[in-house]
């Protein structure tokens, strides 16, 4: 799998989405959205490496977060959180987060927290859900069962002239 993100701006909402897909490099594929499971033994590769595997028109599975606005200066963000178990024969989690009014750090941290929390709950790691992400992150990593967490996020301010602004973040799964 690989991670990608993009932003597009256009007078038409659909064209704005198309431009965001082009910016992310995945416009040539027929995208099929899947739920949030990181397959066991899944290798994370660079976007540049991953794009070489894609063929125009093929069915391509992905987990995608997408947000759009035509409100001038409105902040939009889309992020994908990733939680990888230490035991690579176990599955991990990917989480999508779409937001308005959040900066990239806040949206990215939220998505990462969500993926880590889903993985921690399946692994039986005890945690206090009322604690801040920074505190829970330490508990998750100290358990020795979660190898790493991360996220990818794209944010943008809505176009000042009211054109559609679309942001997306995606994990593209390659067979």
N, C-alpha and C. Protein backbone atom coordinates (compact mmCIF):
# COMPACT_ATOMS: atom_id res chain seq x y z
N UNK A 1 0.84 -1.18 0.00
CA UNK A 1 0.00 0.00 0.00
C UNK A 1 0.88 1.24 0.00
N UNK A 2 0.29 2.34 -0.46
CA UNK A 2 0.98 3.61 -0.35
C UNK A 2 0.00 4.70 0.05
N UNK A 3 0.55 5.79 0.55
CA UNK A 3 -0.24 6.92 1.00
C UNK A 3 -0.11 8.05 0.00
N UNK A 4 -1.20 8.78 -0.18
CA UNK A 4 -1.16 9.93 -1.07
C UNK A 4 -2.19 10.97 -0.60
N UNK A 5 -2.05 12.17 -1.11
CA UNK A 5 -2.99 13.24 -0.77
C UNK A 5 -3.03 14.23 -1.91
N UNK A 6 -4.08 15.04 -1.92
CA UNK A 6 -4.19 16.03 -2.98
C UNK A 6 -5.20 17.11 -2.66
N UNK A 7 -5.13 18.18 -3.43
CA UNK A 7 -6.08 19.29 -3.32
C UNK A 7 -6.44 19.74 -4.73
N UNK A 8 -7.70 20.10 -4.92
CA UNK A 8 -8.16 20.60 -6.21
C UNK A 8 -9.11 21.77 -6.02
N UNK A 9 -9.05 22.71 -6.95
CA UNK A 9 -9.91 23.90 -6.89
C UNK A 9 -10.51 24.12 -8.28
N UNK A 10 -11.86 24.28 -8.31
CA UNK A 10 -12.55 24.47 -9.58
C UNK A 10 -13.95 25.03 -9.31
N UNK A 11 -14.58 25.60 -10.33
CA UNK A 11 -15.93 26.14 -10.14
C UNK A 11 -16.97 25.04 -9.95
N UNK A 12 -16.68 23.85 -10.48
CA UNK A 12 -17.58 22.72 -10.33
C UNK A 12 -17.06 21.77 -9.26
N UNK A 13 -17.96 21.29 -8.41
CA UNK A 13 -17.59 20.41 -7.30
C UNK A 13 -16.90 19.13 -7.80
N UNK A 14 -17.48 18.47 -8.81
CA UNK A 14 -16.90 17.24 -9.32
C UNK A 14 -15.53 17.47 -9.95
N UNK A 15 -15.39 18.56 -10.68
CA UNK A 15 -14.09 18.87 -11.29
C UNK A 15 -13.04 19.16 -10.22
N UNK A 16 -13.46 19.77 -9.13
CA UNK A 16 -12.55 20.02 -8.01
C UNK A 16 -12.04 18.69 -7.44
N UNK A 17 -12.94 17.71 -7.31
CA UNK A 17 -12.56 16.38 -6.83
C UNK A 17 -11.59 15.72 -7.82
N UNK A 18 -11.89 15.82 -9.11
CA UNK A 18 -11.01 15.25 -10.13
C UNK A 18 -9.61 15.86 -10.04
N UNK A 19 -9.53 17.16 -9.85
CA UNK A 19 -8.22 17.81 -9.74
C UNK A 19 -7.48 17.37 -8.48
N UNK A 20 -8.21 17.11 -7.40
CA UNK A 20 -7.57 16.59 -6.18
C UNK A 20 -7.04 15.18 -6.43
N UNK A 21 -7.80 14.37 -7.16
CA UNK A 21 -7.33 13.03 -7.52
C UNK A 21 -6.07 13.12 -8.38
N UNK A 22 -6.05 14.04 -9.35
CA UNK A 22 -4.87 14.23 -10.20
C UNK A 22 -3.67 14.66 -9.37
N UNK A 23 -3.91 15.57 -8.44
CA UNK A 23 -2.83 16.04 -7.57
C UNK A 23 -2.27 14.89 -6.73
N UNK A 24 -3.13 13.96 -6.38
CA UNK A 24 -2.72 12.78 -5.60
C UNK A 24 -2.12 11.70 -6.49
N UNK A 25 -2.33 11.80 -7.80
CA UNK A 25 -1.77 10.82 -8.73
C UNK A 25 -2.62 9.59 -8.98
N UNK A 26 -3.89 9.61 -8.55
CA UNK A 26 -4.72 8.40 -8.66
C UNK A 26 -5.96 8.61 -9.51
N UNK A 27 -5.97 9.63 -10.34
CA UNK A 27 -7.14 9.95 -11.15
C UNK A 27 -7.45 8.93 -12.23
N UNK A 28 -6.47 8.16 -12.64
CA UNK A 28 -6.65 7.23 -13.76
C UNK A 28 -7.29 5.90 -13.35
N UNK A 29 -7.56 5.72 -12.06
CA UNK A 29 -8.07 4.44 -11.57
C UNK A 29 -9.56 4.52 -11.24
N UNK A 30 -10.23 3.39 -11.32
CA UNK A 30 -11.60 3.26 -10.84
C UNK A 30 -11.51 2.88 -9.37
N UNK A 31 -11.71 3.86 -8.52
CA UNK A 31 -11.48 3.68 -7.10
C UNK A 31 -12.68 3.02 -6.42
N UNK A 32 -12.38 2.02 -5.62
CA UNK A 32 -13.39 1.33 -4.82
C UNK A 32 -13.00 1.54 -3.36
N UNK A 33 -13.90 2.18 -2.63
CA UNK A 33 -13.61 2.46 -1.22
C UNK A 33 -13.86 1.20 -0.39
N UNK A 34 -12.92 0.90 0.48
CA UNK A 34 -13.05 -0.24 1.37
C UNK A 34 -12.99 0.25 2.81
N UNK A 35 -13.36 -0.64 3.73
CA UNK A 35 -13.33 -0.27 5.15
C UNK A 35 -11.90 -0.21 5.66
N UNK A 36 -11.74 -0.13 6.91
CA UNK A 36 -10.51 0.35 7.52
C UNK A 36 -9.56 -0.70 8.07
N UNK A 37 -9.42 -1.83 7.39
CA UNK A 37 -8.51 -2.86 7.88
C UNK A 37 -7.20 -2.83 7.10
N UNK A 38 -6.10 -2.74 7.83
CA UNK A 38 -4.77 -2.86 7.24
C UNK A 38 -4.46 -4.36 7.19
N UNK A 39 -4.33 -4.92 5.98
CA UNK A 39 -4.14 -6.37 5.87
C UNK A 39 -2.86 -6.85 6.58
N UNK A 40 -2.90 -8.07 7.12
CA UNK A 40 -1.67 -8.64 7.70
C UNK A 40 -0.57 -8.68 6.64
N UNK A 41 0.66 -8.52 7.09
CA UNK A 41 1.85 -8.60 6.21
C UNK A 41 1.89 -7.51 5.15
N UNK A 42 1.06 -6.48 5.26
CA UNK A 42 1.00 -5.42 4.26
C UNK A 42 2.25 -4.54 4.37
N UNK A 43 2.88 -4.31 3.24
CA UNK A 43 4.08 -3.49 3.19
C UNK A 43 3.70 -2.08 2.75
N UNK A 44 4.21 -1.09 3.45
CA UNK A 44 3.97 0.30 3.09
C UNK A 44 5.13 0.77 2.22
N UNK A 45 4.79 1.22 1.01
CA UNK A 45 5.81 1.69 0.07
C UNK A 45 5.60 3.17 -0.21
N UNK A 46 6.55 3.79 -0.88
CA UNK A 46 6.43 5.21 -1.21
C UNK A 46 5.37 5.42 -2.28
N UNK A 47 4.86 6.62 -2.35
CA UNK A 47 3.89 6.98 -3.38
C UNK A 47 4.49 6.75 -4.77
N UNK A 48 5.72 7.20 -4.95
CA UNK A 48 6.37 7.07 -6.25
C UNK A 48 6.47 5.61 -6.68
N UNK A 49 6.83 4.75 -5.74
CA UNK A 49 6.92 3.32 -6.03
C UNK A 49 5.54 2.74 -6.32
N UNK A 50 4.55 3.13 -5.52
CA UNK A 50 3.20 2.61 -5.67
C UNK A 50 2.53 3.01 -6.97
N UNK A 51 2.74 4.24 -7.40
CA UNK A 51 2.12 4.71 -8.65
C UNK A 51 2.54 3.87 -9.85
N UNK A 52 3.73 3.30 -9.80
CA UNK A 52 4.22 2.46 -10.91
C UNK A 52 3.37 1.21 -11.10
N UNK A 53 2.67 0.77 -10.06
CA UNK A 53 1.85 -0.44 -10.14
C UNK A 53 0.46 -0.19 -10.72
N UNK A 54 0.04 1.07 -10.80
CA UNK A 54 -1.31 1.39 -11.23
C UNK A 54 -1.41 1.47 -12.74
N UNK A 55 -2.52 0.92 -13.28
CA UNK A 55 -2.78 0.95 -14.71
C UNK A 55 -4.08 1.71 -14.95
N UNK A 56 -4.14 2.53 -15.99
CA UNK A 56 -5.36 3.30 -16.28
C UNK A 56 -6.59 2.40 -16.39
N UNK A 57 -7.66 2.79 -15.72
CA UNK A 57 -8.93 2.08 -15.81
C UNK A 57 -9.09 0.90 -14.88
N UNK A 58 -8.03 0.48 -14.21
CA UNK A 58 -8.15 -0.70 -13.35
C UNK A 58 -8.95 -0.39 -12.09
N UNK A 59 -9.54 -1.44 -11.52
CA UNK A 59 -10.22 -1.33 -10.24
C UNK A 59 -9.13 -1.24 -9.18
N UNK A 60 -9.19 -0.20 -8.36
CA UNK A 60 -8.16 0.05 -7.36
C UNK A 60 -8.84 0.27 -6.01
N UNK A 61 -8.46 -0.53 -5.04
CA UNK A 61 -9.05 -0.42 -3.70
C UNK A 61 -8.31 0.64 -2.90
N UNK A 62 -9.08 1.42 -2.14
CA UNK A 62 -8.46 2.45 -1.32
C UNK A 62 -9.34 2.75 -0.11
N UNK A 63 -8.71 3.35 0.88
CA UNK A 63 -9.40 3.97 2.00
C UNK A 63 -9.18 5.46 1.79
N UNK A 64 -10.27 6.22 1.67
CA UNK A 64 -10.14 7.63 1.34
C UNK A 64 -10.95 8.51 2.28
N UNK A 65 -10.34 9.63 2.63
CA UNK A 65 -11.03 10.70 3.35
C UNK A 65 -11.10 11.88 2.39
N UNK A 66 -12.25 12.52 2.33
CA UNK A 66 -12.47 13.62 1.38
C UNK A 66 -13.33 14.68 2.03
N UNK A 67 -12.95 15.92 1.82
CA UNK A 67 -13.73 17.04 2.34
C UNK A 67 -13.70 18.15 1.31
N UNK A 68 -14.79 18.90 1.24
CA UNK A 68 -14.83 19.98 0.27
C UNK A 68 -15.66 21.15 0.79
N UNK A 69 -15.40 22.31 0.21
CA UNK A 69 -16.16 23.51 0.56
C UNK A 69 -16.14 24.47 -0.61
N UNK A 70 -17.17 25.30 -0.67
CA UNK A 70 -17.15 26.44 -1.59
C UNK A 70 -17.30 27.73 -0.80
N UNK A 71 -17.09 27.65 0.49
CA UNK A 71 -17.12 28.82 1.35
C UNK A 71 -15.73 29.44 1.40
N UNK A 72 -15.61 30.71 1.03
CA UNK A 72 -14.29 31.36 1.06
C UNK A 72 -13.63 31.24 2.43
N UNK A 73 -12.36 30.86 2.41
CA UNK A 73 -11.50 30.79 3.59
C UNK A 73 -11.88 29.73 4.63
N UNK A 74 -12.88 28.90 4.35
CA UNK A 74 -13.24 27.85 5.30
C UNK A 74 -12.17 26.76 5.26
N UNK A 75 -11.68 26.39 6.42
CA UNK A 75 -10.63 25.37 6.52
C UNK A 75 -11.25 23.98 6.40
N UNK A 76 -10.71 23.18 5.49
CA UNK A 76 -11.14 21.79 5.32
C UNK A 76 -9.92 20.88 5.45
N UNK A 77 -10.14 19.69 5.97
CA UNK A 77 -9.05 18.73 6.13
C UNK A 77 -9.57 17.32 5.94
N UNK A 78 -8.70 16.48 5.41
CA UNK A 78 -8.99 15.06 5.27
C UNK A 78 -7.74 14.31 5.70
N UNK A 79 -7.92 13.29 6.52
CA UNK A 79 -6.76 12.56 7.01
C UNK A 79 -7.07 11.07 7.16
N UNK A 80 -6.00 10.29 7.05
CA UNK A 80 -6.07 8.85 7.25
C UNK A 80 -5.07 8.52 8.36
N UNK A 81 -5.55 7.83 9.39
CA UNK A 81 -4.69 7.35 10.46
C UNK A 81 -4.29 5.91 10.20
N UNK A 82 -3.12 5.54 10.65
CA UNK A 82 -2.59 4.20 10.43
C UNK A 82 -2.08 3.65 11.76
N UNK A 83 -2.47 2.42 12.07
CA UNK A 83 -1.97 1.73 13.26
C UNK A 83 -1.51 0.34 12.84
N UNK A 84 -0.22 0.08 13.01
CA UNK A 84 0.41 -1.17 12.57
C UNK A 84 0.75 -2.02 13.80
N UNK A 85 0.25 -3.26 13.84
CA UNK A 85 0.59 -4.12 14.98
C UNK A 85 2.02 -4.61 14.89
N UNK A 86 2.62 -4.88 16.05
CA UNK A 86 3.99 -5.40 16.06
C UNK A 86 4.06 -6.77 15.40
N UNK A 87 3.07 -7.60 15.65
CA UNK A 87 3.01 -8.92 15.03
C UNK A 87 2.40 -8.74 13.64
N UNK A 88 3.23 -8.84 12.62
CA UNK A 88 2.77 -8.54 11.26
C UNK A 88 1.76 -9.55 10.72
N UNK A 89 1.56 -10.66 11.41
CA UNK A 89 0.53 -11.61 10.97
C UNK A 89 -0.86 -11.18 11.44
N UNK A 90 -0.92 -10.16 12.30
CA UNK A 90 -2.20 -9.58 12.73
C UNK A 90 -2.58 -8.44 11.79
N UNK A 91 -3.85 -8.12 11.75
CA UNK A 91 -4.28 -6.97 10.95
C UNK A 91 -4.17 -5.70 11.77
N UNK A 92 -4.05 -4.59 11.08
CA UNK A 92 -4.02 -3.28 11.71
C UNK A 92 -5.25 -2.49 11.32
N UNK A 93 -5.17 -1.18 11.56
CA UNK A 93 -6.32 -0.32 11.26
C UNK A 93 -5.92 0.92 10.49
N UNK A 94 -6.84 1.34 9.63
CA UNK A 94 -6.77 2.60 8.92
C UNK A 94 -8.05 3.35 9.29
N UNK A 95 -7.95 4.64 9.53
CA UNK A 95 -9.15 5.40 9.88
C UNK A 95 -9.25 6.64 9.02
N UNK A 96 -10.46 6.99 8.63
CA UNK A 96 -10.69 8.19 7.83
C UNK A 96 -11.28 9.28 8.71
N UNK A 97 -10.84 10.50 8.47
CA UNK A 97 -11.40 11.64 9.19
C UNK A 97 -11.56 12.79 8.20
N UNK A 98 -12.75 13.36 8.15
CA UNK A 98 -13.08 14.46 7.26
C UNK A 98 -13.56 15.61 8.16
N UNK A 99 -12.99 16.78 8.01
CA UNK A 99 -13.38 17.83 8.95
C UNK A 99 -13.40 19.22 8.32
N UNK A 100 -14.06 20.10 9.02
CA UNK A 100 -14.08 21.52 8.69
C UNK A 100 -13.61 22.27 9.94
N UNK A 101 -12.80 23.28 9.76
CA UNK A 101 -12.37 24.11 10.88
C UNK A 101 -11.18 23.56 11.66
N UNK A 102 -10.60 22.44 11.23
CA UNK A 102 -9.42 21.89 11.91
C UNK A 102 -8.19 22.07 11.04
N UNK A 103 -7.07 22.38 11.68
CA UNK A 103 -5.82 22.44 10.92
C UNK A 103 -5.31 21.01 10.69
N UNK A 104 -4.28 20.89 9.88
CA UNK A 104 -3.75 19.58 9.50
C UNK A 104 -3.26 18.79 10.71
N UNK A 105 -2.60 19.44 11.65
CA UNK A 105 -2.09 18.72 12.83
C UNK A 105 -3.22 18.13 13.65
N UNK A 106 -4.24 18.93 13.91
CA UNK A 106 -5.36 18.44 14.72
C UNK A 106 -6.10 17.31 13.99
N UNK A 107 -6.38 17.48 12.71
CA UNK A 107 -7.09 16.45 11.95
C UNK A 107 -6.25 15.18 11.84
N UNK A 108 -4.95 15.32 11.58
CA UNK A 108 -4.06 14.16 11.47
C UNK A 108 -3.94 13.41 12.77
N UNK A 109 -3.75 14.15 13.87
CA UNK A 109 -3.66 13.50 15.18
C UNK A 109 -4.95 12.76 15.53
N UNK A 110 -6.09 13.35 15.16
CA UNK A 110 -7.37 12.70 15.45
C UNK A 110 -7.47 11.37 14.71
N UNK A 111 -7.12 11.37 13.42
CA UNK A 111 -7.20 10.14 12.63
C UNK A 111 -6.23 9.08 13.16
N UNK A 112 -5.03 9.50 13.53
CA UNK A 112 -4.04 8.57 14.07
C UNK A 112 -4.52 7.98 15.40
N UNK A 113 -5.07 8.82 16.25
CA UNK A 113 -5.63 8.39 17.53
C UNK A 113 -6.74 7.37 17.30
N UNK A 114 -7.62 7.64 16.35
CA UNK A 114 -8.73 6.75 16.08
C UNK A 114 -8.25 5.37 15.63
N UNK A 115 -7.29 5.34 14.71
CA UNK A 115 -6.75 4.05 14.24
C UNK A 115 -6.07 3.31 15.38
N UNK A 116 -5.27 4.00 16.17
CA UNK A 116 -4.56 3.37 17.29
C UNK A 116 -5.54 2.83 18.33
N UNK A 117 -6.58 3.59 18.61
CA UNK A 117 -7.57 3.17 19.60
C UNK A 117 -8.32 1.92 19.12
N UNK A 118 -8.67 1.87 17.83
CA UNK A 118 -9.34 0.68 17.30
C UNK A 118 -8.42 -0.54 17.40
N UNK A 119 -7.15 -0.36 17.06
CA UNK A 119 -6.21 -1.48 17.15
C UNK A 119 -6.01 -1.90 18.61
N UNK A 120 -5.82 -0.93 19.48
CA UNK A 120 -5.61 -1.24 20.90
C UNK A 120 -6.78 -2.03 21.48
N UNK A 121 -7.99 -1.65 21.09
CA UNK A 121 -9.17 -2.34 21.64
C UNK A 121 -9.23 -3.79 21.14
N UNK A 122 -8.80 -4.07 19.91
CA UNK A 122 -8.82 -5.46 19.42
C UNK A 122 -7.70 -6.29 20.02
N UNK A 123 -6.61 -5.62 20.43
CA UNK A 123 -5.48 -6.34 21.03
C UNK A 123 -5.63 -6.52 22.54
N UNK A 124 -6.69 -5.94 23.11
CA UNK A 124 -6.92 -6.07 24.55
C UNK A 124 -6.06 -5.16 25.40
N UNK A 125 -5.52 -4.09 24.80
CA UNK A 125 -4.70 -3.14 25.56
C UNK A 125 -5.65 -2.25 26.37
N UNK A 126 -5.42 -2.21 27.66
CA UNK A 126 -6.26 -1.38 28.52
C UNK A 126 -5.81 0.06 28.45
N UNK A 127 -6.78 0.96 28.31
CA UNK A 127 -6.48 2.39 28.24
C UNK A 127 -7.68 3.18 28.73
N UNK A 128 -7.42 4.41 29.09
CA UNK A 128 -8.46 5.32 29.54
C UNK A 128 -8.82 6.22 28.36
N UNK A 129 -10.00 6.02 27.80
CA UNK A 129 -10.41 6.78 26.62
C UNK A 129 -10.58 8.28 26.90
N UNK A 130 -10.63 8.66 28.18
CA UNK A 130 -10.76 10.07 28.51
C UNK A 130 -9.40 10.79 28.55
N UNK A 131 -8.32 10.04 28.47
CA UNK A 131 -6.98 10.65 28.46
C UNK A 131 -6.71 11.28 27.10
N UNK A 132 -5.81 12.23 27.08
CA UNK A 132 -5.43 12.89 25.82
C UNK A 132 -4.68 11.90 24.93
N UNK A 133 -4.69 12.15 23.62
CA UNK A 133 -4.03 11.28 22.65
C UNK A 133 -2.57 11.06 23.01
N UNK A 134 -1.84 12.10 23.40
CA UNK A 134 -0.42 11.97 23.72
C UNK A 134 -0.20 10.95 24.84
N UNK A 135 -1.08 10.97 25.83
CA UNK A 135 -0.95 10.03 26.95
C UNK A 135 -1.31 8.61 26.52
N UNK A 136 -2.39 8.45 25.75
CA UNK A 136 -2.79 7.12 25.28
C UNK A 136 -1.76 6.56 24.31
N UNK A 137 -1.16 7.41 23.49
CA UNK A 137 -0.14 6.95 22.55
C UNK A 137 1.00 6.26 23.29
N UNK A 138 1.40 6.83 24.42
CA UNK A 138 2.47 6.23 25.21
C UNK A 138 2.05 4.88 25.78
N UNK A 139 0.81 4.76 26.21
CA UNK A 139 0.29 3.49 26.74
C UNK A 139 0.30 2.44 25.63
N UNK A 140 -0.18 2.83 24.44
CA UNK A 140 -0.24 1.90 23.31
C UNK A 140 1.16 1.39 22.95
N UNK A 141 2.10 2.30 22.85
CA UNK A 141 3.46 1.91 22.45
C UNK A 141 4.17 1.13 23.56
N UNK A 142 3.89 1.46 24.81
CA UNK A 142 4.50 0.75 25.92
C UNK A 142 3.99 -0.68 26.02
N UNK A 143 2.83 -0.95 25.46
CA UNK A 143 2.27 -2.30 25.52
C UNK A 143 3.14 -3.31 24.75
N UNK A 144 3.94 -2.80 23.80
CA UNK A 144 4.77 -3.68 22.99
C UNK A 144 4.00 -4.40 21.89
N UNK A 145 2.70 -4.09 21.75
CA UNK A 145 1.88 -4.77 20.75
C UNK A 145 1.63 -3.92 19.49
N UNK A 146 1.89 -2.62 19.59
CA UNK A 146 1.69 -1.73 18.45
C UNK A 146 3.05 -1.25 17.98
N UNK A 147 3.38 -1.58 16.73
CA UNK A 147 4.68 -1.22 16.17
C UNK A 147 4.79 0.27 15.91
N UNK A 148 3.79 0.82 15.20
CA UNK A 148 3.84 2.25 14.93
C UNK A 148 2.46 2.78 14.58
N UNK A 149 2.32 4.08 14.75
CA UNK A 149 1.13 4.80 14.30
C UNK A 149 1.61 6.00 13.51
N UNK A 150 0.80 6.41 12.55
CA UNK A 150 1.13 7.59 11.76
C UNK A 150 -0.15 8.08 11.08
N UNK A 151 0.00 9.11 10.29
CA UNK A 151 -1.15 9.61 9.54
C UNK A 151 -0.67 10.38 8.31
N UNK A 152 -1.59 10.58 7.38
CA UNK A 152 -1.38 11.47 6.25
C UNK A 152 -2.57 12.42 6.24
N UNK A 153 -2.32 13.69 5.98
CA UNK A 153 -3.39 14.67 6.03
C UNK A 153 -3.21 15.72 4.95
N UNK A 154 -4.31 16.16 4.38
CA UNK A 154 -4.31 17.28 3.45
C UNK A 154 -5.32 18.30 3.95
N UNK A 155 -4.89 19.53 4.09
CA UNK A 155 -5.82 20.58 4.48
C UNK A 155 -5.66 21.76 3.52
N UNK A 156 -6.67 22.60 3.48
CA UNK A 156 -6.62 23.80 2.64
C UNK A 156 -7.69 24.77 3.11
N UNK A 157 -7.49 26.02 2.79
CA UNK A 157 -8.53 27.02 3.01
C UNK A 157 -9.38 27.10 1.75
N UNK A 158 -10.68 27.26 1.94
CA UNK A 158 -11.57 27.40 0.80
C UNK A 158 -11.13 28.59 -0.07
N UNK A 159 -11.24 28.41 -1.37
CA UNK A 159 -10.85 29.44 -2.32
C UNK A 159 -11.51 30.78 -1.99
N UNK A 160 -10.74 31.84 -2.03
CA UNK A 160 -11.24 33.16 -1.63
C UNK A 160 -12.37 33.66 -2.52
N UNK A 161 -12.48 33.12 -3.74
CA UNK A 161 -13.53 33.55 -4.67
C UNK A 161 -14.74 32.60 -4.67
N UNK A 162 -14.75 31.65 -3.75
CA UNK A 162 -15.90 30.75 -3.63
C UNK A 162 -15.89 29.57 -4.58
N UNK A 163 -14.75 29.30 -5.21
CA UNK A 163 -14.65 28.09 -6.03
C UNK A 163 -14.62 26.87 -5.11
N UNK A 164 -15.01 25.72 -5.63
CA UNK A 164 -14.96 24.50 -4.83
C UNK A 164 -13.51 24.13 -4.55
N UNK A 165 -13.25 23.85 -3.29
CA UNK A 165 -11.93 23.37 -2.85
C UNK A 165 -12.13 21.99 -2.25
N UNK A 166 -11.45 20.99 -2.81
CA UNK A 166 -11.54 19.61 -2.33
C UNK A 166 -10.18 19.16 -1.85
N UNK A 167 -10.17 18.54 -0.68
CA UNK A 167 -8.94 17.92 -0.16
C UNK A 167 -9.22 16.44 0.03
N UNK A 168 -8.19 15.63 -0.21
CA UNK A 168 -8.33 14.20 0.03
C UNK A 168 -7.03 13.62 0.53
N UNK A 169 -7.18 12.56 1.30
CA UNK A 169 -6.05 11.74 1.74
C UNK A 169 -6.47 10.30 1.50
N UNK A 170 -5.54 9.48 1.04
CA UNK A 170 -5.90 8.11 0.71
C UNK A 170 -4.77 7.13 0.98
N UNK A 171 -5.17 5.92 1.29
CA UNK A 171 -4.27 4.78 1.32
C UNK A 171 -4.71 3.92 0.14
N UNK A 172 -3.80 3.67 -0.77
CA UNK A 172 -4.10 2.87 -1.96
C UNK A 172 -3.52 1.48 -1.75
N UNK A 173 -4.40 0.48 -1.88
CA UNK A 173 -4.01 -0.91 -1.66
C UNK A 173 -3.66 -1.55 -3.00
N UNK A 174 -2.52 -2.16 -3.06
CA UNK A 174 -2.04 -2.78 -4.30
C UNK A 174 -1.97 -4.29 -4.06
N UNK A 175 -2.50 -5.05 -5.00
CA UNK A 175 -2.46 -6.51 -4.85
C UNK A 175 -1.17 -7.06 -5.42
